[in-house]
Amino acid sequence: MWLIFALLTTFSWAFADLFYKKGAVPDDKVSHIKTVIMVGLVMGIHGFAYMLINGIAFSPVYLVTYSPVPFMY
């Protein structure tokens, strides 16, 4: 079963990357950065809303603990 999920994830990532590149404006040098910022913003809002709706507790210490992860990405 994990193989199906791994393949689905790989194909989804590839299609998302394709659409990000297709959506970039060739004349705008920062178009790809705008796309990344908007995707991060939407995912952040979704994560925050999910935590509020489901009553998940969040400590700001987690930001410090996991901060190396986004920097490495």
C-alpha atoms as a PDB file:
ATOM      1  CA  MET A   1       0.000   0.000   0.000  1.00  0.00           C
ATOM      2  CA  TRP A   2       2.885   2.366   0.756  1.00  0.00           C
ATOM      3  CA  LEU A   3       4.058   2.055  -2.850  1.00  0.00           C
ATOM      4  CA  ILE A   4       0.790   3.497  -4.142  1.00  0.00           C
ATOM      5  CA  PHE A   5       1.016   6.449  -1.755  1.00  0.00           C
ATOM      6  CA  ALA A   6       4.688   7.017  -2.622  1.00  0.00           C
ATOM      7  CA  LEU A   7       3.924   7.045  -6.352  1.00  0.00           C
ATOM      8  CA  LEU A   8       0.903   9.307  -5.858  1.00  0.00           C
ATOM      9  CA  THR A   9       3.021  11.733  -3.835  1.00  0.00           C
ATOM     10  CA  THR A  10       5.802  11.728  -6.439  1.00  0.00           C
ATOM     11  CA  PHE A  11       3.410  12.367  -9.314  1.00  0.00           C
ATOM     12  CA  SER A  12       1.558  15.060  -7.377  1.00  0.00           C
ATOM     13  CA  TRP A  13       4.827  16.816  -6.587  1.00  0.00           C
ATOM     14  CA  ALA A  14       5.892  16.638 -10.230  1.00  0.00           C
ATOM     15  CA  PHE A  15       2.589  18.054 -11.495  1.00  0.00           C
ATOM     16  CA  ALA A  16       2.688  20.849  -8.910  1.00  0.00           C
ATOM     17  CA  ASP A  17       6.227  21.738  -9.978  1.00  0.00           C
ATOM     18  CA  LEU A  18       5.145  21.738 -13.614  1.00  0.00           C
ATOM     19  CA  PHE A  19       2.272  24.128 -12.902  1.00  0.00           C
ATOM     20  CA  TYR A  20       4.516  26.401 -10.826  1.00  0.00           C
ATOM     21  CA  LYS A  21       6.928  26.673 -13.727  1.00  0.00           C
ATOM     22  CA  LYS A  22       4.119  27.108 -16.254  1.00  0.00           C
ATOM     23  CA  GLY A  23       2.576  29.863 -14.140  1.00  0.00           C
ATOM     24  CA  ALA A  24       5.783  31.863 -13.853  1.00  0.00           C
ATOM     25  CA  VAL A  25       5.829  35.025 -15.933  1.00  0.00           C
ATOM     26  CA  PRO A  26       9.009  35.057 -18.082  1.00  0.00           C
ATOM     27  CA  ASP A  27       9.318  38.857 -17.984  1.00  0.00           C
ATOM     28  CA  ASP A  28       9.087  39.024 -14.181  1.00  0.00           C
ATOM     29  CA  LYS A  29      12.352  38.028 -12.472  1.00  0.00           C
ATOM     30  CA  VAL A  30      10.683  37.447  -9.098  1.00  0.00           C
ATOM     31  CA  SER A  31       7.606  35.583 -10.354  1.00  0.00           C
ATOM     32  CA  HIS A  32       8.792  32.264  -8.905  1.00  0.00           C
ATOM     33  CA  ILE A  33       9.408  33.892  -5.505  1.00  0.00           C
ATOM     34  CA  LYS A  34       5.887  35.329  -5.520  1.00  0.00           C
ATOM     35  CA  THR A  35       4.524  31.840  -6.193  1.00  0.00           C
ATOM     36  CA  VAL A  36       6.518  30.327  -3.325  1.00  0.00           C
ATOM     37  CA  ILE A  37       5.391  33.059  -0.930  1.00  0.00           C
ATOM     38  CA  MET A  38       1.735  32.623  -1.869  1.00  0.00           C
ATOM     39  CA  VAL A  39       1.898  28.826  -1.525  1.00  0.00           C
ATOM     40  CA  GLY A  40       3.542  29.201   1.892  1.00  0.00           C
ATOM     41  CA  LEU A  41       0.967  31.773   2.958  1.00  0.00           C
ATOM     42  CA  VAL A  42      -1.979  29.590   1.915  1.00  0.00           C
ATOM     43  CA  MET A  43      -0.479  26.524   3.608  1.00  0.00           C
ATOM     44  CA  GLY A  44       0.236  28.544   6.755  1.00  0.00           C
ATOM     45  CA  ILE A  45      -3.326  29.866   6.903  1.00  0.00           C
ATOM     46  CA  HIS A  46      -4.641  26.348   6.346  1.00  0.00           C
ATOM     47  CA  GLY A  47      -2.447  24.963   9.134  1.00  0.00           C
ATOM     48  CA  PHE A  48      -3.447  27.719  11.543  1.00  0.00           C
ATOM     49  CA  ALA A  49      -7.160  27.267  10.764  1.00  0.00           C
ATOM     50  CA  TYR A  50      -6.850  23.488  11.153  1.00  0.00           C
ATOM     51  CA  MET A  51      -5.286  23.933  14.596  1.00  0.00           C
ATOM     52  CA  LEU A  52      -8.016  26.367  15.671  1.00  0.00           C
ATOM     53  CA  ILE A  53     -10.879  24.219  14.393  1.00  0.00           C
ATOM     54  CA  ASN A  54      -9.569  21.006  15.966  1.00  0.00           C
ATOM     55  CA  GLY A  55      -8.405  22.622  19.207  1.00  0.00           C
ATOM     56  CA  ILE A  56      -4.772  21.576  18.810  1.00  0.00           C
ATOM     57  CA  ALA A  57      -2.435  23.216  21.321  1.00  0.00           C
ATOM     58  CA  PHE A  58       0.666  24.901  19.935  1.00  0.00           C
ATOM     59  CA  SER A  59       3.669  26.165  21.841  1.00  0.00           C
ATOM     60  CA  PRO A  60       5.971  28.816  20.320  1.00  0.00           C
ATOM     61  CA  VAL A  61       8.906  26.668  21.503  1.00  0.00           C
ATOM     62  CA  TYR A  62       8.063  24.370  18.580  1.00  0.00           C
ATOM     63  CA  LEU A  63       9.065  27.162  16.192  1.00  0.00           C
ATOM     64  CA  VAL A  64      12.553  27.187  17.691  1.00  0.00           C
ATOM     65  CA  THR A  65      12.779  23.392  17.866  1.00  0.00           C
ATOM     66  CA  TYR A  66      11.840  22.834  14.232  1.00  0.00           C
ATOM     67  CA  SER A  67      13.358  25.982  12.703  1.00  0.00           C
ATOM     68  CA  PRO A  68      16.335  24.118  11.155  1.00  0.00           C
ATOM     69  CA  VAL A  69      13.939  22.088   9.013  1.00  0.00           C
ATOM     70  CA  PRO A  70      12.641  24.936   6.796  1.00  0.00           C
ATOM     71  CA  PHE A  71      16.119  26.452   6.603  1.00  0.00           C
ATOM     72  CA  MET A  72      17.506  23.183   5.260  1.00  0.00           C
ATOM     73  CA  TYR A  73      14.668  22.918   2.744  1.00  0.00           C
END
